[in-house]
Amino acid sequence: METVLVILGVLVVLAVVVFVVVGRRDRRRLSSPEDSAAARDAAATQERYAAERHGVQGEVWRRGQTGGG
């Protein structure tokens, strides 16, 4: 029974060590300037499309209000 507990303890310690090492590695890895530029470009495109959709929806609503009724 004692052997099983020691083995489980070692496995838990190894899992924690792996978790910490992977976490540190990911935190140290910095995104490149190209990633930041691509993210800004995608956000700008998304905002432009949203503004265009909003404008089209407003036009449709105004046409419905001024249409024959």
Protein backbone atom coordinates (compact mmCIF):
# COMPACT_ATOMS: atom_id res chain seq x y z
CA MET A 1 0.00 0.00 0.00
CA GLU A 2 2.84 2.34 0.84
CA THR A 3 4.41 1.74 -2.58
CA VAL A 4 1.19 2.72 -4.34
CA LEU A 5 1.01 5.97 -2.36
CA VAL A 6 4.63 6.80 -3.18
CA ILE A 7 4.03 6.15 -6.87
CA LEU A 8 0.88 8.33 -6.83
CA GLY A 9 2.81 11.07 -5.02
CA VAL A 10 5.58 10.98 -7.61
CA LEU A 11 3.03 11.15 -10.45
CA VAL A 12 1.32 14.15 -8.85
CA VAL A 13 4.65 15.93 -8.41
CA LEU A 14 5.60 15.22 -12.04
CA ALA A 15 2.23 16.52 -13.25
CA VAL A 16 2.68 19.75 -11.27
CA VAL A 17 6.22 20.21 -12.60
CA VAL A 18 5.06 19.71 -16.19
CA PHE A 19 2.20 22.16 -15.65
CA VAL A 20 4.56 24.82 -14.25
CA VAL A 21 7.17 24.35 -17.00
CA VAL A 22 4.59 24.60 -19.78
CA GLY A 23 2.98 27.64 -18.14
CA ARG A 24 6.29 29.47 -17.86
CA ARG A 25 7.24 28.64 -21.42
CA ASP A 26 3.95 29.98 -22.75
CA ARG A 27 4.20 33.15 -20.69
CA ARG A 28 7.74 33.80 -21.89
CA ARG A 29 6.79 33.38 -25.51
CA LEU A 30 5.94 36.82 -26.86
CA SER A 31 3.72 37.40 -29.82
CA SER A 32 5.42 38.89 -32.84
CA PRO A 33 4.66 42.41 -34.10
CA GLU A 34 3.08 40.82 -37.16
CA ASP A 35 0.54 39.05 -34.93
CA SER A 36 -0.37 42.35 -33.29
CA ALA A 37 -0.73 44.08 -36.66
CA ALA A 38 -2.91 41.26 -37.98
CA ALA A 39 -5.11 41.43 -34.88
CA ARG A 40 -5.54 45.21 -35.25
CA ASP A 41 -6.35 44.82 -38.95
CA ALA A 42 -8.93 42.12 -38.22
CA ALA A 43 -10.55 44.25 -35.51
CA ALA A 44 -10.73 47.27 -37.83
CA THR A 45 -12.30 45.16 -40.59
CA GLN A 46 -14.83 43.72 -38.17
CA GLU A 47 -15.79 47.19 -36.92
CA ARG A 48 -16.16 48.47 -40.49
CA TYR A 49 -18.46 45.58 -41.41
CA ALA A 50 -20.51 46.16 -38.26
CA ALA A 51 -20.88 49.87 -39.11
CA GLU A 52 -21.95 49.03 -42.67
CA ARG A 53 -24.53 46.53 -41.38
CA HIS A 54 -25.86 49.09 -38.93
CA GLY A 55 -26.21 51.67 -41.70
CA VAL A 56 -28.03 49.25 -43.99
CA GLN A 57 -30.43 48.25 -41.23
CA GLY A 58 -31.18 51.91 -40.55
CA GLU A 59 -31.94 52.52 -44.21
CA VAL A 60 -34.30 49.54 -44.34
CA TRP A 61 -36.11 50.79 -41.23
CA ARG A 62 -36.43 54.34 -42.64
CA ARG A 63 -37.79 53.01 -45.94
CA GLY A 64 -40.39 51.04 -44.01
CA GLN A 65 -41.46 54.16 -42.09
CA THR A 66 -41.81 56.36 -45.16
CA GLY A 67 -43.31 53.71 -47.42
CA GLY A 68 -46.93 53.71 -48.50
CA GLY A 69 -49.08 52.92 -45.51
